[in-house]
Amino acid sequence: MTVDGTKVYLRDQRPLHNGNIAFAPGFTFEQLIDLINDRVYFWPGKDGAPIAHGKRHFERYRGKGPALIRVPTADILDAANAARVEFCKYNSGSPRCVGGKHSPRGPETFVTAERAAFTPGSVVEVTFRGGVRLPESAMVSYELEGPWTPLF
């Protein structure tokens, strides 16, 4: 896409492997793709850095010049975004088969804070259904450690 005359690429994932997924009864691969594609994703973090999943993800693409967007939680969970926020306790787009156990996926892949059967410290993805409005406090950097500059 082009933003203010600058070409921006939103990308990630290698193809999903449905052989690594334990689907909830009646839930399909196509439904999972729809759930994943309908969201904007953030890695949670603290002390100025994302969780380990986010750090590894950044390092994987470091040579491609990725930009990081950092947003204070309270600012992004304002009235415009709060109704669309849902959480996931794993990397939803990267199912793994570990020790013969397939990764669960279904309607409960993304849940509201009220419905989460896991602790805030277990959150791996913070997602917003249908998009997100970034607050004025959003910052951008091309390195995990900064320097950070205003996005807007």
N, C-alpha and C. Protein backbone atom coordinates (compact mmCIF):
# COMPACT_ATOMS: atom_id res chain seq x y z
N MET A 1 0.84 -1.16 0.00
CA MET A 1 0.00 0.00 0.00
C MET A 1 0.89 1.23 0.00
N THR A 2 0.32 2.35 -0.35
CA THR A 2 1.06 3.60 -0.35
C THR A 2 0.46 4.51 0.71
N VAL A 3 1.31 5.05 1.57
CA VAL A 3 0.89 5.96 2.63
C VAL A 3 1.66 7.25 2.46
N ASP A 4 0.95 8.34 2.22
CA ASP A 4 1.59 9.65 2.01
C ASP A 4 2.73 9.57 1.00
N GLY A 5 2.52 8.84 -0.09
CA GLY A 5 3.50 8.75 -1.14
C GLY A 5 4.63 7.76 -0.91
N THR A 6 4.62 7.08 0.24
CA THR A 6 5.65 6.10 0.56
C THR A 6 5.06 4.70 0.47
N LYS A 7 5.73 3.83 -0.27
CA LYS A 7 5.27 2.45 -0.39
C LYS A 7 5.56 1.71 0.91
N VAL A 8 4.53 1.08 1.48
CA VAL A 8 4.63 0.34 2.73
C VAL A 8 4.19 -1.09 2.46
N TYR A 9 4.99 -2.05 2.93
CA TYR A 9 4.66 -3.46 2.76
C TYR A 9 4.29 -4.04 4.13
N LEU A 10 3.11 -4.59 4.21
CA LEU A 10 2.70 -5.31 5.41
C LEU A 10 2.82 -6.78 5.07
N ARG A 11 3.68 -7.48 5.78
CA ARG A 11 3.93 -8.87 5.43
C ARG A 11 4.40 -9.63 6.64
N ASP A 12 4.36 -10.89 6.47
CA ASP A 12 4.96 -11.76 7.47
C ASP A 12 4.98 -13.13 6.92
N GLN A 13 4.34 -13.92 7.53
CA GLN A 13 4.19 -15.35 7.57
C GLN A 13 4.60 -16.16 6.37
N ARG A 14 5.15 -17.25 6.72
CA ARG A 14 5.26 -18.35 5.76
C ARG A 14 3.86 -18.96 5.71
N PRO A 15 3.60 -19.83 4.74
CA PRO A 15 2.26 -20.42 4.65
C PRO A 15 1.89 -21.20 5.93
N LEU A 16 0.62 -21.13 6.26
CA LEU A 16 0.10 -21.92 7.39
C LEU A 16 0.11 -23.40 6.99
N HIS A 17 0.41 -24.23 7.94
CA HIS A 17 0.38 -25.68 7.70
C HIS A 17 -0.75 -26.27 8.52
N ASN A 18 -1.86 -26.57 7.85
CA ASN A 18 -3.02 -27.06 8.60
C ASN A 18 -2.78 -28.42 9.22
N GLY A 19 -1.73 -29.12 8.79
CA GLY A 19 -1.39 -30.39 9.42
C GLY A 19 -0.88 -30.23 10.84
N ASN A 20 -0.50 -29.00 11.23
CA ASN A 20 -0.04 -28.72 12.59
C ASN A 20 -1.16 -28.26 13.50
N ILE A 21 -2.38 -28.22 12.99
CA ILE A 21 -3.50 -27.62 13.72
C ILE A 21 -4.48 -28.67 14.21
N ALA A 22 -4.89 -28.52 15.47
CA ALA A 22 -6.00 -29.30 16.03
C ALA A 22 -7.21 -28.37 15.99
N PHE A 23 -8.06 -28.53 14.99
CA PHE A 23 -9.22 -27.66 14.83
C PHE A 23 -10.31 -28.01 15.84
N ALA A 24 -10.95 -26.98 16.37
CA ALA A 24 -12.12 -27.18 17.22
C ALA A 24 -13.20 -27.85 16.37
N PRO A 25 -14.06 -28.64 17.00
CA PRO A 25 -15.12 -29.31 16.23
C PRO A 25 -15.91 -28.33 15.37
N GLY A 26 -16.03 -28.65 14.08
CA GLY A 26 -16.80 -27.83 13.16
C GLY A 26 -16.07 -26.61 12.64
N PHE A 27 -14.85 -26.37 13.11
CA PHE A 27 -14.09 -25.19 12.69
C PHE A 27 -13.18 -25.59 11.54
N THR A 28 -13.10 -24.73 10.51
CA THR A 28 -12.36 -25.07 9.30
C THR A 28 -11.12 -24.19 9.12
N PHE A 29 -10.25 -24.65 8.25
CA PHE A 29 -9.05 -23.90 7.88
C PHE A 29 -9.45 -22.54 7.30
N GLU A 30 -10.46 -22.52 6.46
CA GLU A 30 -10.92 -21.27 5.85
C GLU A 30 -11.42 -20.29 6.90
N GLN A 31 -12.10 -20.78 7.93
CA GLN A 31 -12.55 -19.91 9.01
C GLN A 31 -11.36 -19.32 9.77
N LEU A 32 -10.33 -20.13 9.97
CA LEU A 32 -9.13 -19.63 10.64
C LEU A 32 -8.49 -18.52 9.81
N ILE A 33 -8.38 -18.71 8.52
CA ILE A 33 -7.80 -17.69 7.64
C ILE A 33 -8.60 -16.40 7.75
N ASP A 34 -9.93 -16.51 7.77
CA ASP A 34 -10.77 -15.31 7.91
C ASP A 34 -10.51 -14.61 9.25
N LEU A 35 -10.40 -15.39 10.33
CA LEU A 35 -10.12 -14.80 11.65
C LEU A 35 -8.78 -14.07 11.65
N ILE A 36 -7.77 -14.70 11.08
CA ILE A 36 -6.42 -14.11 11.06
C ILE A 36 -6.39 -12.85 10.19
N ASN A 37 -7.01 -12.91 9.03
CA ASN A 37 -6.94 -11.79 8.10
C ASN A 37 -7.75 -10.58 8.53
N ASP A 38 -8.64 -10.74 9.47
CA ASP A 38 -9.51 -9.65 9.91
C ASP A 38 -8.90 -8.83 11.05
N ARG A 39 -7.60 -8.94 11.29
CA ARG A 39 -7.00 -8.34 12.47
C ARG A 39 -5.74 -7.55 12.19
N VAL A 40 -5.46 -6.63 13.11
CA VAL A 40 -4.17 -5.97 13.20
C VAL A 40 -3.54 -6.52 14.47
N TYR A 41 -2.24 -6.84 14.42
CA TYR A 41 -1.55 -7.54 15.50
C TYR A 41 -0.48 -6.68 16.14
N PHE A 42 -0.38 -6.84 17.46
CA PHE A 42 0.71 -6.24 18.23
C PHE A 42 1.30 -7.30 19.15
N TRP A 43 2.62 -7.25 19.31
CA TRP A 43 3.26 -8.07 20.34
C TRP A 43 3.17 -7.25 21.63
N PRO A 44 2.72 -7.85 22.72
CA PRO A 44 2.78 -7.10 23.98
C PRO A 44 4.24 -6.94 24.41
N GLY A 45 4.48 -6.10 25.37
CA GLY A 45 5.83 -5.92 25.85
C GLY A 45 5.85 -5.06 27.11
N LYS A 46 7.04 -4.80 27.57
CA LYS A 46 7.23 -3.90 28.70
C LYS A 46 8.68 -3.41 28.69
N ASP A 47 8.93 -2.39 29.45
CA ASP A 47 10.28 -1.83 29.53
C ASP A 47 10.85 -1.49 28.16
N GLY A 48 10.02 -1.02 27.26
CA GLY A 48 10.49 -0.56 25.96
C GLY A 48 10.78 -1.62 24.93
N ALA A 49 10.43 -2.87 25.19
CA ALA A 49 10.71 -3.93 24.22
C ALA A 49 9.54 -4.92 24.17
N PRO A 50 9.34 -5.55 23.02
CA PRO A 50 8.30 -6.57 22.94
C PRO A 50 8.73 -7.84 23.67
N ILE A 51 7.77 -8.73 23.88
CA ILE A 51 8.08 -10.03 24.47
C ILE A 51 9.03 -10.80 23.56
N ALA A 52 9.53 -11.92 24.02
CA ALA A 52 10.51 -12.71 23.27
C ALA A 52 10.02 -13.06 21.87
N HIS A 53 8.74 -13.39 21.72
CA HIS A 53 8.19 -13.71 20.39
C HIS A 53 8.40 -12.53 19.44
N GLY A 54 8.13 -11.33 19.90
CA GLY A 54 8.29 -10.14 19.08
C GLY A 54 9.74 -9.86 18.74
N LYS A 55 10.63 -10.07 19.70
CA LYS A 55 12.06 -9.86 19.45
C LYS A 55 12.56 -10.84 18.38
N ARG A 56 12.17 -12.10 18.50
CA ARG A 56 12.59 -13.09 17.50
C ARG A 56 12.05 -12.75 16.12
N HIS A 57 10.81 -12.30 16.09
CA HIS A 57 10.18 -11.93 14.83
C HIS A 57 10.95 -10.77 14.18
N PHE A 58 11.29 -9.77 14.98
CA PHE A 58 12.06 -8.64 14.45
C PHE A 58 13.42 -9.12 13.92
N GLU A 59 14.10 -9.95 14.68
CA GLU A 59 15.42 -10.42 14.26
C GLU A 59 15.34 -11.22 12.96
N ARG A 60 14.26 -11.96 12.78
CA ARG A 60 14.08 -12.76 11.56
C ARG A 60 14.05 -11.86 10.32
N TYR A 61 13.48 -10.66 10.47
CA TYR A 61 13.33 -9.76 9.33
C TYR A 61 14.26 -8.55 9.38
N ARG A 62 15.18 -8.50 10.31
CA ARG A 62 16.06 -7.34 10.48
C ARG A 62 16.69 -6.90 9.16
N GLY A 63 17.17 -7.82 8.35
CA GLY A 63 17.82 -7.50 7.09
C GLY A 63 16.90 -6.88 6.06
N LYS A 64 15.60 -6.94 6.27
CA LYS A 64 14.63 -6.36 5.33
C LYS A 64 14.23 -4.95 5.72
N GLY A 65 14.78 -4.42 6.83
CA GLY A 65 14.49 -3.05 7.25
C GLY A 65 13.11 -2.85 7.84
N PRO A 66 12.66 -3.73 8.75
CA PRO A 66 11.32 -3.54 9.31
C PRO A 66 11.25 -2.31 10.22
N ALA A 67 10.08 -1.76 10.29
CA ALA A 67 9.81 -0.66 11.22
C ALA A 67 9.00 -1.21 12.38
N LEU A 68 9.28 -0.72 13.56
CA LEU A 68 8.54 -1.09 14.76
C LEU A 68 7.66 0.07 15.16
N ILE A 69 6.44 -0.24 15.56
CA ILE A 69 5.55 0.78 16.09
C ILE A 69 5.30 0.45 17.55
N ARG A 70 5.55 1.41 18.41
CA ARG A 70 5.36 1.23 19.86
C ARG A 70 4.24 2.16 20.30
N VAL A 71 3.29 1.59 21.04
CA VAL A 71 2.12 2.34 21.47
C VAL A 71 1.84 2.04 22.93
N PRO A 72 1.67 3.06 23.76
CA PRO A 72 1.27 2.79 25.15
C PRO A 72 -0.09 2.09 25.20
N THR A 73 -0.19 1.07 26.01
CA THR A 73 -1.41 0.26 26.10
C THR A 73 -2.64 1.11 26.38
N ALA A 74 -2.55 1.97 27.38
CA ALA A 74 -3.72 2.79 27.74
C ALA A 74 -4.18 3.66 26.58
N ASP A 75 -3.24 4.13 25.77
CA ASP A 75 -3.61 4.99 24.65
C ASP A 75 -4.29 4.23 23.52
N ILE A 76 -3.84 3.02 23.24
CA ILE A 76 -4.45 2.26 22.14
C ILE A 76 -5.78 1.62 22.55
N LEU A 77 -5.97 1.46 23.85
CA LEU A 77 -7.24 0.88 24.33
C LEU A 77 -8.25 1.97 24.64
N ASP A 78 -8.26 3.04 23.86
CA ASP A 78 -9.23 4.10 24.04
C ASP A 78 -10.59 3.64 23.53
N ALA A 79 -11.56 4.51 23.60
CA ALA A 79 -12.93 4.15 23.23
C ALA A 79 -13.05 3.68 21.78
N ALA A 80 -12.22 4.22 20.88
CA ALA A 80 -12.31 3.85 19.47
C ALA A 80 -11.83 2.43 19.21
N ASN A 81 -10.95 1.91 20.04
CA ASN A 81 -10.36 0.59 19.80
C ASN A 81 -10.79 -0.48 20.80
N ALA A 82 -11.19 -0.09 21.99
CA ALA A 82 -11.42 -1.06 23.07
C ALA A 82 -12.45 -2.13 22.70
N ALA A 83 -13.45 -1.79 21.94
CA ALA A 83 -14.50 -2.77 21.60
C ALA A 83 -13.99 -3.84 20.63
N ARG A 84 -12.84 -3.62 19.99
CA ARG A 84 -12.34 -4.57 19.00
C ARG A 84 -11.12 -5.34 19.46
N VAL A 85 -10.65 -5.13 20.68
CA VAL A 85 -9.43 -5.79 21.12
C VAL A 85 -9.72 -7.22 21.59
N GLU A 86 -8.88 -8.14 21.14
CA GLU A 86 -8.94 -9.53 21.59
C GLU A 86 -7.51 -10.04 21.73
N PHE A 87 -7.36 -11.07 22.54
CA PHE A 87 -6.04 -11.57 22.90
C PHE A 87 -5.89 -13.03 22.49
N CYS A 88 -4.64 -13.42 22.23
CA CYS A 88 -4.33 -14.79 21.88
C CYS A 88 -3.13 -15.23 22.73
N LYS A 89 -3.14 -16.46 23.20
CA LYS A 89 -2.06 -16.93 24.06
C LYS A 89 -0.93 -17.62 23.30
N TYR A 90 -0.97 -17.55 21.97
CA TYR A 90 0.10 -18.11 21.15
C TYR A 90 0.17 -17.32 19.85
N ASN A 91 1.18 -17.58 19.06
CA ASN A 91 1.30 -16.94 17.75
C ASN A 91 0.28 -17.61 16.84
N SER A 92 -0.83 -16.94 16.61
CA SER A 92 -1.96 -17.55 15.91
C SER A 92 -1.64 -17.99 14.48
N GLY A 93 -0.71 -17.31 13.83
CA GLY A 93 -0.40 -17.63 12.45
C GLY A 93 0.76 -18.58 12.27
N SER A 94 1.23 -19.16 13.37
CA SER A 94 2.38 -20.05 13.28
C SER A 94 2.15 -21.31 14.11
N PRO A 95 1.16 -22.11 13.72
CA PRO A 95 0.89 -23.32 14.50
C PRO A 95 2.05 -24.31 14.40
N ARG A 96 2.35 -24.93 15.52
CA ARG A 96 3.44 -25.90 15.59
C ARG A 96 2.89 -27.22 16.13
N CYS A 97 3.55 -28.27 15.76
CA CYS A 97 3.27 -29.58 16.33
C CYS A 97 4.45 -29.88 17.26
N VAL A 98 4.19 -29.90 18.56
CA VAL A 98 5.24 -30.08 19.55
C VAL A 98 4.96 -31.35 20.35
N GLY A 99 5.92 -32.26 20.34
CA GLY A 99 5.75 -33.51 21.07
C GLY A 99 4.54 -34.30 20.61
N GLY A 100 4.21 -34.18 19.32
CA GLY A 100 3.06 -34.89 18.78
C GLY A 100 1.73 -34.20 19.03
N LYS A 101 1.76 -33.08 19.76
CA LYS A 101 0.52 -32.34 20.06
C LYS A 101 0.37 -31.19 19.07
N HIS A 102 -0.78 -31.15 18.41
CA HIS A 102 -1.07 -30.11 17.43
C HIS A 102 -1.57 -28.84 18.12
N SER A 103 -1.36 -27.70 17.47
CA SER A 103 -1.79 -26.41 18.02
C SER A 103 -3.29 -26.23 17.88
N PRO A 104 -3.97 -25.87 18.96
CA PRO A 104 -5.42 -25.69 18.88
C PRO A 104 -5.78 -24.38 18.16
N ARG A 105 -6.80 -24.43 17.33
CA ARG A 105 -7.33 -23.25 16.68
C ARG A 105 -8.84 -23.44 16.55
N GLY A 106 -9.57 -22.36 16.76
CA GLY A 106 -11.02 -22.40 16.66
C GLY A 106 -11.60 -21.05 17.00
N PRO A 107 -12.89 -21.01 17.31
CA PRO A 107 -13.53 -19.73 17.62
C PRO A 107 -12.94 -19.06 18.87
N GLU A 108 -12.27 -19.83 19.71
CA GLU A 108 -11.68 -19.29 20.94
C GLU A 108 -10.20 -18.94 20.77
N THR A 109 -9.71 -18.91 19.53
CA THR A 109 -8.31 -18.53 19.30
C THR A 109 -8.07 -17.12 19.80
N PHE A 110 -9.00 -16.21 19.55
CA PHE A 110 -8.92 -14.83 20.00
C PHE A 110 -10.08 -14.59 20.96
N VAL A 111 -9.79 -14.05 22.12
CA VAL A 111 -10.83 -13.83 23.12
C VAL A 111 -10.69 -12.44 23.74
N THR A 112 -11.80 -11.94 24.25
CA THR A 112 -11.78 -10.69 24.99
C THR A 112 -11.13 -10.93 26.35
N ALA A 113 -10.74 -9.87 27.01
CA ALA A 113 -10.13 -10.00 28.34
C ALA A 113 -11.08 -10.71 29.30
N GLU A 114 -12.36 -10.43 29.19
CA GLU A 114 -13.34 -11.05 30.09
C GLU A 114 -13.46 -12.56 29.88
N ARG A 115 -13.22 -13.02 28.66
CA ARG A 115 -13.37 -14.44 28.34
C ARG A 115 -12.06 -15.21 28.38
N ALA A 116 -10.96 -14.52 28.62
CA ALA A 116 -9.66 -15.18 28.59
C ALA A 116 -9.50 -16.14 29.77
N ALA A 117 -9.12 -17.37 29.46
CA ALA A 117 -8.86 -18.38 30.49
C ALA A 117 -7.35 -18.47 30.73
N PHE A 118 -6.65 -17.34 30.54
CA PHE A 118 -5.21 -17.27 30.74
C PHE A 118 -4.87 -15.91 31.34
N THR A 119 -3.71 -15.81 31.89
CA THR A 119 -3.30 -14.58 32.59
C THR A 119 -2.79 -13.54 31.60
N PRO A 120 -2.77 -12.27 32.00
CA PRO A 120 -2.21 -11.23 31.12
C PRO A 120 -0.77 -11.53 30.72
N GLY A 121 0.01 -12.14 31.60
CA GLY A 121 1.38 -12.49 31.28
C GLY A 121 1.51 -13.59 30.24
N SER A 122 0.42 -14.30 29.96
CA SER A 122 0.42 -15.36 28.95
C SER A 122 0.04 -14.86 27.56
N VAL A 123 -0.33 -13.60 27.45
CA VAL A 123 -0.75 -13.05 26.16
C VAL A 123 0.45 -12.97 25.22
N VAL A 124 0.30 -13.53 24.03
CA VAL A 124 1.35 -13.47 23.01
C VAL A 124 0.98 -12.47 21.92
N GLU A 125 -0.32 -12.33 21.62
CA GLU A 125 -0.77 -11.37 20.62
C GLU A 125 -1.91 -10.52 21.17
N VAL A 126 -1.82 -9.24 20.91
CA VAL A 126 -2.91 -8.30 21.17
C VAL A 126 -3.44 -7.94 19.79
N THR A 127 -4.70 -8.23 19.53
CA THR A 127 -5.24 -8.03 18.19
C THR A 127 -6.44 -7.10 18.22
N PHE A 128 -6.67 -6.47 17.07
CA PHE A 128 -7.82 -5.59 16.92
C PHE A 128 -8.56 -6.02 15.67
N ARG A 129 -9.82 -6.44 15.87
CA ARG A 129 -10.66 -6.87 14.75
C ARG A 129 -10.98 -5.69 13.85
N GLY A 130 -10.83 -5.89 12.55
CA GLY A 130 -11.26 -4.89 11.58
C GLY A 130 -10.41 -3.63 11.52
N GLY A 131 -9.25 -3.62 12.15
CA GLY A 131 -8.38 -2.45 12.09
C GLY A 131 -8.18 -1.81 13.45
N VAL A 132 -7.34 -0.79 13.46
CA VAL A 132 -7.03 -0.10 14.70
C VAL A 132 -6.72 1.36 14.38
N ARG A 133 -7.09 2.24 15.28
CA ARG A 133 -6.74 3.65 15.15
C ARG A 133 -5.53 3.89 16.03
N LEU A 134 -4.41 4.25 15.42
CA LEU A 134 -3.20 4.50 16.20
C LEU A 134 -3.29 5.87 16.86
N PRO A 135 -2.94 5.94 18.15
CA PRO A 135 -3.01 7.22 18.85
C PRO A 135 -1.83 8.13 18.50
N GLU A 136 -1.95 9.38 18.83
CA GLU A 136 -0.89 10.37 18.58
C GLU A 136 0.41 9.99 19.30
N SER A 137 0.33 9.19 20.34
CA SER A 137 1.51 8.81 21.12
C SER A 137 2.31 7.68 20.47
N ALA A 138 1.85 7.16 19.32
CA ALA A 138 2.57 6.07 18.65
C ALA A 138 3.96 6.54 18.23
N MET A 139 4.93 5.65 18.44
CA MET A 139 6.32 5.95 18.11
C MET A 139 6.82 4.91 17.10
N VAL A 140 7.86 5.26 16.35
CA VAL A 140 8.42 4.35 15.36
C VAL A 140 9.94 4.27 15.53
N SER A 141 10.48 3.09 15.26
CA SER A 141 11.92 2.88 15.27
C SER A 141 12.25 1.77 14.28
N TYR A 142 13.51 1.74 13.88
CA TYR A 142 13.97 0.68 12.98
C TYR A 142 14.90 -0.27 13.70
N GLU A 143 15.02 -0.09 15.01
CA GLU A 143 15.82 -0.96 15.88
C GLU A 143 15.04 -1.22 17.16
N LEU A 144 15.21 -2.40 17.74
CA LEU A 144 14.52 -2.73 18.99
C LEU A 144 14.82 -1.73 20.10
N GLU A 145 16.05 -1.26 20.13
CA GLU A 145 16.49 -0.38 21.20
C GLU A 145 16.21 1.09 20.93
N GLY A 146 15.66 1.41 19.78
CA GLY A 146 15.44 2.80 19.41
C GLY A 146 16.60 3.31 18.59
N PRO A 147 16.66 4.58 18.34
CA PRO A 147 15.86 5.65 18.93
C PRO A 147 14.42 5.64 18.41
N TRP A 148 13.53 6.12 19.24
CA TRP A 148 12.11 6.18 18.93
C TRP A 148 11.74 7.62 18.55
N THR A 149 10.97 7.76 17.48
CA THR A 149 10.50 9.07 17.06
C THR A 149 8.99 9.01 16.88
N PRO A 150 8.33 10.14 16.98
CA PRO A 150 6.86 10.14 16.79
C PRO A 150 6.48 9.62 15.41
N LEU A 151 5.46 8.78 15.36
CA LEU A 151 4.97 8.25 14.09
C LEU A 151 4.24 9.34 13.31
N PHE A 152 3.53 10.21 14.03
CA PHE A 152 2.74 11.26 13.37
C PHE A 152 3.39 12.61 13.56
